[in-house]
C-alpha atoms as a PDB file:
ATOM      1  CA  MET A   1     -90.373  94.082-106.416  1.00  0.00           C
ATOM      2  CA  CYS A   2     -88.829  90.669-107.035  1.00  0.00           C
ATOM      3  CA  LYS A   3     -86.620  90.532-110.119  1.00  0.00           C
ATOM      4  CA  ILE A   4     -86.755  87.311-112.164  1.00  0.00           C
ATOM      5  CA  LEU A   5     -84.317  86.310-114.887  1.00  0.00           C
ATOM      6  CA  ILE A   6     -85.673  84.130-117.727  1.00  0.00           C
ATOM      7  CA  VAL A   7     -83.070  82.321-119.820  1.00  0.00           C
ATOM      8  CA  GLU A   8     -84.759  80.485-122.688  1.00  0.00           C
ATOM      9  CA  ASP A   9     -83.693  80.198-126.335  1.00  0.00           C
ATOM     10  CA  GLU A  10     -87.228  79.799-127.743  1.00  0.00           C
ATOM     11  CA  SER A  11     -88.689  83.284-128.086  1.00  0.00           C
ATOM     12  CA  SER A  12     -92.320  82.085-127.911  1.00  0.00           C
ATOM     13  CA  ILE A  13     -91.767  80.354-124.557  1.00  0.00           C
ATOM     14  CA  ARG A  14     -89.737  83.308-123.296  1.00  0.00           C
ATOM     15  CA  SER A  15     -92.554  85.715-124.181  1.00  0.00           C
ATOM     16  CA  PHE A  16     -95.131  83.418-122.590  1.00  0.00           C
ATOM     17  CA  LEU A  17     -93.100  83.293-119.367  1.00  0.00           C
ATOM     18  CA  LYS A  18     -92.562  87.045-119.367  1.00  0.00           C
ATOM     19  CA  VAL A  19     -96.274  87.832-119.726  1.00  0.00           C
ATOM     20  CA  SER A  20     -97.223  85.345-116.988  1.00  0.00           C
ATOM     21  CA  LEU A  21     -94.679  86.677-114.520  1.00  0.00           C
ATOM     22  CA  LYS A  22     -95.345  90.354-115.244  1.00  0.00           C
ATOM     23  CA  SER A  23     -99.080  89.816-114.738  1.00  0.00           C
ATOM     24  CA  ASN A  24     -98.191  88.677-111.214  1.00  0.00           C
ATOM     25  CA  LYS A  25     -96.249  91.884-110.486  1.00  0.00           C
ATOM     26  CA  PHE A  26     -92.748  90.458-110.993  1.00  0.00           C
ATOM     27  CA  ASP A  27     -89.969  92.474-112.626  1.00  0.00           C
ATOM     28  CA  VAL A  28     -88.734  90.363-115.562  1.00  0.00           C
ATOM     29  CA  ILE A  29     -85.426  90.403-117.443  1.00  0.00           C
ATOM     30  CA  GLU A  30     -84.638  87.932-120.218  1.00  0.00           C
ATOM     31  CA  ALA A  31     -81.839  86.342-122.222  1.00  0.00           C
ATOM     32  CA  GLU A  32     -81.823  83.902-125.120  1.00  0.00           C
ATOM     33  CA  ASP A  33     -78.772  81.834-124.170  1.00  0.00           C
ATOM     34  CA  GLY A  34     -76.688  80.853-121.172  1.00  0.00           C
ATOM     35  CA  LEU A  35     -73.773  83.215-121.674  1.00  0.00           C
ATOM     36  CA  LYS A  36     -76.017  86.254-122.071  1.00  0.00           C
ATOM     37  CA  GLY A  37     -78.037  85.059-119.082  1.00  0.00           C
ATOM     38  CA  LEU A  38     -74.898  84.962-116.927  1.00  0.00           C
ATOM     39  CA  GLU A  39     -73.843  88.448-118.080  1.00  0.00           C
ATOM     40  CA  LEU A  40     -77.315  89.800-117.318  1.00  0.00           C
ATOM     41  CA  ALA A  41     -77.373  88.157-113.881  1.00  0.00           C
ATOM     42  CA  ARG A  42     -74.082  89.852-112.987  1.00  0.00           C
ATOM     43  CA  ILE A  43     -75.521  93.238-113.938  1.00  0.00           C
ATOM     44  CA  GLU A  44     -79.109  92.956-112.674  1.00  0.00           C
ATOM     45  CA  LYS A  45     -78.666  90.681-109.594  1.00  0.00           C
ATOM     46  CA  PRO A  46     -82.066  88.894-109.835  1.00  0.00           C
ATOM     47  CA  GLN A  47     -83.624  87.079-106.872  1.00  0.00           C
ATOM     48  CA  ILE A  48     -84.938  84.203-109.045  1.00  0.00           C
ATOM     49  CA  ALA A  49     -83.682  82.607-112.283  1.00  0.00           C
ATOM     50  CA  VAL A  50     -85.813  80.424-114.556  1.00  0.00           C
ATOM     51  CA  LEU A  51     -83.519  78.385-116.814  1.00  0.00           C
ATOM     52  CA  ASP A  52     -84.188  76.178-119.804  1.00  0.00           C
ATOM     53  CA  VAL A  53     -82.011  73.069-119.949  1.00  0.00           C
ATOM     54  CA  MET A  54     -81.131  72.956-123.651  1.00  0.00           C
ATOM     55  CA  MET A  55     -79.596  76.251-124.794  1.00  0.00           C
ATOM     56  CA  PRO A  56     -76.741  77.321-127.083  1.00  0.00           C
ATOM     57  CA  ASN A  57     -73.349  78.571-125.836  1.00  0.00           C
ATOM     58  CA  MET A  58     -73.968  77.485-122.230  1.00  0.00           C
ATOM     59  CA  ASP A  59     -76.671  74.984-121.280  1.00  0.00           C
ATOM     60  CA  GLY A  60     -78.965  75.304-118.284  1.00  0.00           C
ATOM     61  CA  PHE A  61     -76.936  72.965-116.068  1.00  0.00           C
ATOM     62  CA  GLN A  62     -73.724  74.908-116.658  1.00  0.00           C
ATOM     63  CA  LEU A  63     -75.488  78.215-116.083  1.00  0.00           C
ATOM     64  CA  CYS A  64     -77.106  76.874-112.929  1.00  0.00           C
ATOM     65  CA  LYS A  65     -73.703  75.908-111.496  1.00  0.00           C
ATOM     66  CA  LYS A  66     -72.209  79.301-112.353  1.00  0.00           C
ATOM     67  CA  LEU A  67     -75.128  81.201-110.818  1.00  0.00           C
ATOM     68  CA  ARG A  68     -74.994  79.101-107.659  1.00  0.00           C
ATOM     69  CA  GLU A  69     -71.246  79.748-107.326  1.00  0.00           C
ATOM     70  CA  GLU A  70     -71.531  83.509-107.844  1.00  0.00           C
ATOM     71  CA  PHE A  71     -74.914  84.099-106.196  1.00  0.00           C
ATOM     72  CA  PRO A  72     -75.391  81.505-103.418  1.00  0.00           C
ATOM     73  CA  ASP A  73     -78.766  82.910-102.330  1.00  0.00           C
ATOM     74  CA  ILE A  74     -80.431  83.080-105.744  1.00  0.00           C
ATOM     75  CA  GLY A  75     -83.512  80.902-106.321  1.00  0.00           C
ATOM     76  CA  ILE A  76     -83.242  78.694-109.424  1.00  0.00           C
ATOM     77  CA  ILE A  77     -86.008  76.873-111.301  1.00  0.00           C
ATOM     78  CA  MET A  78     -85.121  74.565-114.213  1.00  0.00           C
ATOM     79  CA  LEU A  79     -87.419  73.992-117.186  1.00  0.00           C
ATOM     80  CA  THR A  80     -87.178  70.322-118.204  1.00  0.00           C
ATOM     81  CA  ALA A  81     -88.685  68.208-120.976  1.00  0.00           C
ATOM     82  CA  ARG A  82     -91.510  65.818-120.138  1.00  0.00           C
ATOM     83  CA  GLY A  83     -90.279  62.378-119.162  1.00  0.00           C
ATOM     84  CA  GLN A  84     -86.630  63.429-118.878  1.00  0.00           C
ATOM     85  CA  ASP A  85     -86.047  62.434-115.260  1.00  0.00           C
ATOM     86  CA  ILE A  86     -82.296  62.677-115.760  1.00  0.00           C
ATOM     87  CA  ASP A  87     -82.762  66.413-116.438  1.00  0.00           C
ATOM     88  CA  LYS A  88     -84.536  66.833-113.107  1.00  0.00           C
ATOM     89  CA  ILE A  89     -81.802  64.982-111.245  1.00  0.00           C
ATOM     90  CA  SER A  90     -79.005  66.814-113.052  1.00  0.00           C
ATOM     91  CA  GLY A  91     -80.671  70.153-112.401  1.00  0.00           C
ATOM     92  CA  LEU A  92     -80.987  69.543-108.670  1.00  0.00           C
ATOM     93  CA  GLU A  93     -77.404  68.280-108.532  1.00  0.00           C
ATOM     94  CA  SER A  94     -76.287  71.482-110.294  1.00  0.00           C
ATOM     95  CA  GLY A  95     -77.841  73.565-107.531  1.00  0.00           C
ATOM     96  CA  ALA A  96     -81.415  74.172-108.709  1.00  0.00           C
ATOM     97  CA  ASP A  97     -84.122  74.662-106.083  1.00  0.00           C
ATOM     98  CA  ASP A  98     -86.969  73.298-108.179  1.00  0.00           C
ATOM     99  CA  TYR A  99     -88.008  72.290-111.697  1.00  0.00           C
ATOM    100  CA  VAL A 100     -91.060  72.632-113.935  1.00  0.00           C
ATOM    101  CA  VAL A 101     -91.867  70.136-116.699  1.00  0.00           C
ATOM    102  CA  LYS A 102     -92.768  71.422-120.173  1.00  0.00           C
ATOM    103  CA  PRO A 103     -95.464  72.021-121.225  1.00  0.00           C
ATOM    104  CA  PHE A 104     -96.652  73.621-117.999  1.00  0.00           C
ATOM    105  CA  ASN A 105     -99.464  75.717-116.632  1.00  0.00           C
ATOM    106  CA  PRO A 106     -98.243  79.249-115.852  1.00  0.00           C
ATOM    107  CA  ALA A 107    -100.056  79.076-112.501  1.00  0.00           C
ATOM    108  CA  GLU A 108     -97.776  76.186-111.505  1.00  0.00           C
ATOM    109  CA  LEU A 109     -94.656  78.222-112.257  1.00  0.00           C
ATOM    110  CA  ILE A 110     -96.000  81.200-110.268  1.00  0.00           C
ATOM    111  CA  LEU A 111     -96.724  78.952-107.276  1.00  0.00           C
ATOM    112  CA  ARG A 112     -93.213  77.507-107.393  1.00  0.00           C
ATOM    113  CA  VAL A 113     -91.648  80.973-107.638  1.00  0.00           C
ATOM    114  CA  LYS A 114     -93.663  82.159-104.635  1.00  0.00           C
ATOM    115  CA  ALA A 115     -92.725  79.031-102.654  1.00  0.00           C
ATOM    116  CA  ILE A 116     -89.008  79.695-103.253  1.00  0.00           C
ATOM    117  CA  LEU A 117     -89.440  83.353-102.248  1.00  0.00           C
ATOM    118  CA  ARG A 118     -91.112  82.271 -98.992  1.00  0.00           C
ATOM    119  CA  ARG A 119     -88.217  79.911 -98.231  1.00  0.00           C
ATOM    120  CA  MET A 120     -85.704  82.645 -99.022  1.00  0.00           C
ATOM    121  CA  GLU A 121     -87.530  85.083 -96.730  1.00  0.00           C
ATOM    122  CA  SER A 122     -87.677  82.494 -93.960  1.00  0.00           C
ATOM    123  CA  ASN A 123     -83.948  81.749 -94.307  1.00  0.00           C
ATOM    124  CA  ALA A 124     -83.133  85.466 -94.237  1.00  0.00           C
ATOM    125  CA  LYS A 125     -85.114  85.920 -91.010  1.00  0.00           C
ATOM    126  CA  GLU A 126     -83.337  82.945 -89.460  1.00  0.00           C
ATOM    127  CA  VAL A 127     -79.939  84.427 -90.351  1.00  0.00           C
ATOM    128  CA  ASP A 128     -80.970  87.846 -89.006  1.00  0.00           C
ATOM    129  CA  ALA A 129     -82.076  86.253 -85.729  1.00  0.00           C
ATOM    130  CA  ASN A 130     -78.562  84.876 -85.251  1.00  0.00           C
ATOM    131  CA  ILE A 131     -76.860  88.246 -85.737  1.00  0.00           C
ATOM    132  CA  ILE A 132     -76.543  91.073 -83.206  1.00  0.00           C
ATOM    133  CA  GLU A 133     -75.083  94.309 -84.534  1.00  0.00           C
ATOM    134  CA  SER A 134     -73.916  97.485 -82.860  1.00  0.00           C
ATOM    135  CA  TYR A 135     -71.578  99.405 -85.146  1.00  0.00           C
ATOM    136  CA  PRO A 136     -68.730  98.578 -85.604  1.00  0.00           C
ATOM    137  CA  PHE A 137     -69.373  95.274 -83.806  1.00  0.00           C
ATOM    138  CA  LYS A 138     -71.235  92.149 -84.833  1.00  0.00           C
ATOM    139  CA  ILE A 139     -72.068  89.019 -82.855  1.00  0.00           C
ATOM    140  CA  ASP A 140     -72.839  85.761 -84.683  1.00  0.00           C
ATOM    141  CA  ASN A 141     -74.770  83.585 -82.239  1.00  0.00           C
ATOM    142  CA  TYR A 142     -74.668  80.607 -84.603  1.00  0.00           C
ATOM    143  CA  SER A 143     -70.861  80.415 -84.677  1.00  0.00           C
ATOM    144  CA  GLN A 144     -70.413  82.211 -81.334  1.00  0.00           C
ATOM    145  CA  LYS A 145     -67.930  84.645 -82.812  1.00  0.00           C
ATOM    146  CA  ALA A 146     -67.591  88.386 -82.353  1.00  0.00           C
ATOM    147  CA  TYR A 147     -66.306  90.844 -84.953  1.00  0.00           C
ATOM    148  CA  LYS A 148     -65.150  94.460 -85.042  1.00  0.00           C
ATOM    149  CA  ASN A 149     -65.125  96.067 -88.492  1.00  0.00           C
ATOM    150  CA  ASP A 150     -65.633  92.528 -89.866  1.00  0.00           C
ATOM    151  CA  GLU A 151     -62.409  91.301 -88.234  1.00  0.00           C
ATOM    152  CA  ILE A 152     -62.813  88.483 -85.729  1.00  0.00           C
ATOM    153  CA  LEU A 153     -62.062  89.283 -82.093  1.00  0.00           C
ATOM    154  CA  ASP A 154     -59.942  86.872 -80.080  1.00  0.00           C
ATOM    155  CA  LEU A 155     -62.187  86.508 -77.021  1.00  0.00           C
ATOM    156  CA  THR A 156     -62.370  84.005 -74.195  1.00  0.00           C
ATOM    157  CA  PRO A 157     -65.758  82.300 -73.664  1.00  0.00           C
ATOM    158  CA  LYS A 158     -66.573  84.616 -70.736  1.00  0.00           C
ATOM    159  CA  GLU A 159     -65.532  87.723 -72.685  1.00  0.00           C
ATOM    160  CA  TYR A 160     -67.780  86.590 -75.532  1.00  0.00           C
ATOM    161  CA  LEU A 161     -70.729  86.146 -73.162  1.00  0.00           C
ATOM    162  CA  LEU A 162     -70.095  89.563 -71.616  1.00  0.00           C
ATOM    163  CA  ILE A 163     -70.026  91.474 -74.889  1.00  0.00           C
ATOM    164  CA  LYS A 164     -73.030  89.509 -76.182  1.00  0.00           C
ATOM    165  CA  LEU A 165     -75.097  90.310 -73.086  1.00  0.00           C
ATOM    166  CA  LEU A 166     -74.149  93.991 -73.150  1.00  0.00           C
ATOM    167  CA  MET A 167     -74.790  94.383 -76.896  1.00  0.00           C
ATOM    168  CA  GLU A 168     -78.181  92.691 -76.570  1.00  0.00           C
ATOM    169  CA  ASN A 169     -79.173  95.302 -73.990  1.00  0.00           C
ATOM    170  CA  PRO A 170     -77.738  98.659 -75.117  1.00  0.00           C
ATOM    171  CA  GLY A 171     -78.101 101.426 -72.533  1.00  0.00           C
ATOM    172  CA  LYS A 172     -79.011  99.049 -69.695  1.00  0.00           C
ATOM    173  CA  ALA A 173     -76.882  99.411 -66.563  1.00  0.00           C
ATOM    174  CA  PHE A 174     -75.924  95.963 -65.267  1.00  0.00           C
ATOM    175  CA  SER A 175     -74.711  95.587 -61.707  1.00  0.00           C
ATOM    176  CA  ARG A 176     -71.632  93.467 -61.093  1.00  0.00           C
ATOM    177  CA  GLU A 177     -73.846  90.927 -59.336  1.00  0.00           C
ATOM    178  CA  GLU A 178     -76.162  90.691 -62.360  1.00  0.00           C
ATOM    179  CA  LEU A 179     -73.242  90.131 -64.718  1.00  0.00           C
ATOM    180  CA  LEU A 180     -71.745  87.586 -62.359  1.00  0.00           C
ATOM    181  CA  ASN A 181     -75.001  85.612 -62.198  1.00  0.00           C
ATOM    182  CA  LEU A 182     -75.818  85.865 -65.916  1.00  0.00           C
ATOM    183  CA  VAL A 183     -72.329  85.079 -67.231  1.00  0.00           C
ATOM    184  CA  TRP A 184     -70.750  82.908 -64.546  1.00  0.00           C
ATOM    185  CA  GLY A 185     -73.963  81.387 -63.188  1.00  0.00           C
ATOM    186  CA  TRP A 186     -75.824  81.432 -59.911  1.00  0.00           C
ATOM    187  CA  ASN A 187     -73.765  78.594 -58.535  1.00  0.00           C
ATOM    188  CA  PHE A 188     -70.461  80.439 -59.011  1.00  0.00           C
ATOM    189  CA  PHE A 189     -68.613  80.891 -55.732  1.00  0.00           C
ATOM    190  CA  GLY A 190     -66.220  83.797 -55.983  1.00  0.00           C
ATOM    191  CA  GLU A 191     -65.902  87.548 -55.754  1.00  0.00           C
ATOM    192  CA  SER A 192     -67.582  90.000 -58.093  1.00  0.00           C
ATOM    193  CA  LYS A 193     -64.134  91.475 -58.813  1.00  0.00           C
ATOM    194  CA  ILE A 194     -63.795  88.802 -61.493  1.00  0.00           C
ATOM    195  CA  VAL A 195     -66.317  90.836 -63.502  1.00  0.00           C
ATOM    196  CA  ASP A 196     -64.061  93.912 -63.359  1.00  0.00           C
ATOM    197  CA  VAL A 197     -61.039  91.858 -64.394  1.00  0.00           C
ATOM    198  CA  ASN A 198     -62.824  90.453 -67.451  1.00  0.00           C
ATOM    199  CA  ILE A 199     -64.268  93.827 -68.408  1.00  0.00           C
ATOM    200  CA  ARG A 200     -60.765  95.327 -68.338  1.00  0.00           C
ATOM    201  CA  ARG A 201     -59.459  92.532 -70.564  1.00  0.00           C
ATOM    202  CA  LEU A 202     -62.404  92.904 -72.914  1.00  0.00           C
ATOM    203  CA  ARG A 203     -61.836  96.648 -73.193  1.00  0.00           C
ATOM    204  CA  THR A 204     -58.232  96.105 -74.260  1.00  0.00           C
ATOM    205  CA  LYS A 205     -59.547  94.005 -77.154  1.00  0.00           C
ATOM    206  CA  ILE A 206     -62.425  96.191 -78.368  1.00  0.00           C
ATOM    207  CA  GLU A 207     -61.684  99.794 -77.374  1.00  0.00           C
ATOM    208  CA  GLU A 208     -59.339 102.147 -79.182  1.00  0.00           C
ATOM    209  CA  THR A 209     -58.046 103.273 -75.795  1.00  0.00           C
ATOM    210  CA  ALA A 210     -58.948 100.949 -72.926  1.00  0.00           C
ATOM    211  CA  SER A 211     -58.490 103.688 -70.312  1.00  0.00           C
ATOM    212  CA  ARG A 212     -61.052 105.874 -72.127  1.00  0.00           C
ATOM    213  CA  PRO A 213     -63.729 103.366 -73.155  1.00  0.00           C
ATOM    214  CA  GLU A 214     -66.330 104.376 -75.737  1.00  0.00           C
ATOM    215  CA  PHE A 215     -68.420 101.231 -75.780  1.00  0.00           C
ATOM    216  CA  ILE A 216     -68.347  99.586 -72.348  1.00  0.00           C
ATOM    217  CA  GLU A 217     -69.123 102.436 -70.003  1.00  0.00           C
ATOM    218  CA  THR A 218     -68.625 102.298 -66.242  1.00  0.00           C
ATOM    219  CA  VAL A 219     -71.750 103.158 -64.265  1.00  0.00           C
ATOM    220  CA  TRP A 220     -70.293 104.395 -61.004  1.00  0.00           C
ATOM    221  CA  GLY A 221     -71.675 102.636 -57.954  1.00  0.00           C
ATOM    222  CA  THR A 222     -73.478 100.080 -60.126  1.00  0.00           C
ATOM    223  CA  GLY A 223     -71.531  98.304 -62.849  1.00  0.00           C
ATOM    224  CA  TYR A 224     -71.402  98.592 -66.640  1.00  0.00           C
ATOM    225  CA  ARG A 225     -73.513  99.361 -69.700  1.00  0.00           C
ATOM    226  CA  TRP A 226     -73.135  99.226 -73.471  1.00  0.00           C
ATOM    227  CA  ASN A 227     -72.986 102.550 -75.296  1.00  0.00           C
ATOM    228  CA  GLU A 228     -74.422 102.099 -78.791  1.00  0.00           C
ATOM    229  CA  ARG A 229     -72.720 104.493 -81.175  1.00  0.00           C
ATOM    230  CA  GLU A 230     -74.758 106.102 -83.948  1.00  0.00           C
ATOM    231  CA  VAL A 231     -73.490 105.338 -87.447  1.00  0.00           C
END
């Protein structure tokens, strides 16, 4: 269930928002000023925050900036006064995703919350598509970097392509010729021994003991395969 933080100093509006959101199956937490809202966000870790602009102790713009700094992925909707275009601009500049003008129809707020959740879900899927994981390794296709236990591995471009290909196909036995064609290209003129040389170098960088590899296994008479370790 999506958790939504309401930060609004007027109790009547806060109650109105809470009822509207709860009726749409959202889990709602609330605070009456910016400082309490920030404290609550740190404890509850909400997915969405709905912030009034004018509040005591810490206004909505300040709270928006703090939330964006501490929780980069949180969705933020600002509640602004009618006709105050500067509030809308300031809110977006502070890191808000959207704004709703008071007085508003609760259906509009629900639609905007759901739109932000869809964008967040889409972004999460896009990030996941760029990541390949096989404990304790991780490949980030976007940055083309490889990690072991979250520490970056110093790999050559060909070593990176080798580990990426193997991790994408755990358990598959690749022949030396397949690896040569897939990593070096069909137009590469050279011996398949270059595959063995690069595998040996790669093992020295990722294995605890290169002579007794746990991850890149030798398939005798064929080539190599990736051994995916269970966590």
